[in-house]
Amino acid sequence: MAKKLIRLTEDDLHRIVKESVNRILNEEVDMGQLDAMKLEPTHFEYPIEVKREIRNLRYQIDDLWSQGKDTTELENRLKSLKRRYAPKY
C-alpha cells in the first residue's frame, strides 16, 4: 500500500482529534458506559441486540467517513434506532 504524505495545519489536527474524542464519548454514552456527564437521564441501558446494531452502524459510518463517502443514510438509521429505544421520561 502506497503511503501519501499530507500536510495538516494545527487547526486541522485539533478538529480531527476533537471529532474523534466526541465520537468515542458519544458511543460510550450510547452504550450506557457513561452517565452522559451527569445530564438527565443519568443512565440508560440499550438491550444487547440494540447495542450491537448501534456499534455496527457506527463502524460502518466510520469506515465510510474515512473513505470520504456520504454517511447521511446510516446516520439517519442510527438516530432512528436510538429514538425507537430511548426511554420515555
Protein backbone atom coordinates (compact mmCIF):
# COMPACT_ATOMS: atom_id res chain seq x y z
CA MET A 1 0.00 0.00 0.00
CA ALA A 2 1.49 3.30 -1.07
CA LYS A 3 1.58 5.93 1.63
CA LYS A 4 0.89 9.54 0.81
CA LEU A 5 2.40 12.49 2.58
CA ILE A 6 -0.21 15.01 3.65
CA ARG A 7 0.04 18.36 5.36
CA LEU A 8 -2.20 19.29 8.25
CA THR A 9 -2.48 22.61 9.95
CA GLU A 10 -2.67 22.72 13.71
CA ASP A 11 -6.36 23.61 13.36
CA ASP A 12 -6.97 20.56 11.14
CA LEU A 13 -5.30 18.27 13.65
CA HIS A 14 -7.22 19.84 16.54
CA ARG A 15 -10.53 19.35 14.67
CA ILE A 16 -9.73 15.71 13.84
CA VAL A 17 -8.82 14.88 17.44
CA LYS A 18 -11.88 16.73 18.79
CA GLU A 19 -14.24 14.87 16.41
CA SER A 20 -12.65 11.53 17.32
CA VAL A 21 -12.91 12.14 21.06
CA ASN A 22 -16.52 13.31 20.75
CA ARG A 23 -17.38 10.24 18.67
CA ILE A 24 -15.87 7.93 21.31
CA LEU A 25 -17.61 9.73 24.17
CA ASN A 26 -20.94 9.62 22.35
CA GLU A 27 -20.53 5.91 21.71
CA GLU A 28 -19.81 5.24 25.39
CA VAL A 29 -22.87 7.25 26.42
CA ASP A 30 -24.97 5.36 23.86
CA MET A 31 -23.73 2.05 25.22
CA GLY A 32 -24.63 3.01 28.79
CA GLN A 33 -20.97 3.11 29.90
CA LEU A 34 -21.06 6.78 30.89
CA ASP A 35 -23.79 8.70 32.64
CA ALA A 36 -23.88 11.43 29.95
CA MET A 37 -21.73 13.59 32.21
CA LYS A 38 -24.47 13.87 34.83
CA LEU A 39 -27.11 15.04 32.38
CA GLU A 40 -30.62 13.68 32.72
CA PRO A 41 -31.45 10.89 32.21
CA THR A 42 -28.42 9.75 34.16
CA HIS A 43 -28.24 6.19 32.90
CA PHE A 44 -29.87 4.12 30.23
CA GLU A 45 -29.01 0.65 29.01
CA TYR A 46 -29.99 -0.35 25.49
CA PRO A 47 -30.88 -4.02 25.04
CA ILE A 48 -27.81 -6.02 23.98
CA GLU A 49 -29.06 -6.59 20.42
CA VAL A 50 -29.59 -2.84 20.03
CA LYS A 51 -26.10 -2.15 21.38
CA ARG A 52 -24.69 -4.49 18.74
CA GLU A 53 -26.67 -2.81 15.98
CA ILE A 54 -25.57 0.66 17.16
CA ARG A 55 -21.94 -0.49 17.28
CA ASN A 56 -22.16 -2.00 13.77
CA LEU A 57 -23.74 1.16 12.37
CA ARG A 58 -21.01 3.27 13.98
CA TYR A 59 -18.30 1.05 12.45
CA GLN A 60 -19.92 1.37 9.03
CA ILE A 61 -20.24 5.14 9.43
CA ASP A 62 -16.58 5.43 10.48
CA ASP A 63 -15.45 3.32 7.51
CA LEU A 64 -17.43 5.38 5.02
CA TRP A 65 -16.39 8.65 6.66
CA SER A 66 -12.70 7.70 6.50
CA GLN A 67 -13.15 6.99 2.77
CA GLY A 68 -14.75 10.40 2.28
CA LYS A 69 -18.14 8.93 1.39
CA ASP A 70 -21.60 10.15 2.38
CA THR A 71 -22.78 8.75 5.73
CA THR A 72 -26.15 10.51 5.90
CA GLU A 73 -28.29 7.41 5.35
CA LEU A 74 -26.50 5.40 8.05
CA GLU A 75 -26.55 8.33 10.47
CA ASN A 76 -30.31 8.65 9.96
CA ARG A 77 -30.74 4.91 10.62
CA LEU A 78 -28.68 5.30 13.81
CA LYS A 79 -30.78 8.26 15.01
CA SER A 80 -33.98 6.37 14.23
CA LEU A 81 -32.78 3.33 16.15
CA LYS A 82 -31.84 5.45 19.18
CA ARG A 83 -35.21 7.22 19.13
CA ARG A 84 -37.08 3.92 18.90
CA TYR A 85 -35.39 2.51 22.01
CA ALA A 86 -34.90 5.70 24.01
CA PRO A 87 -36.68 5.80 27.37
CA LYS A 88 -39.87 7.84 27.59
CA TYR A 89 -39.50 10.23 30.51
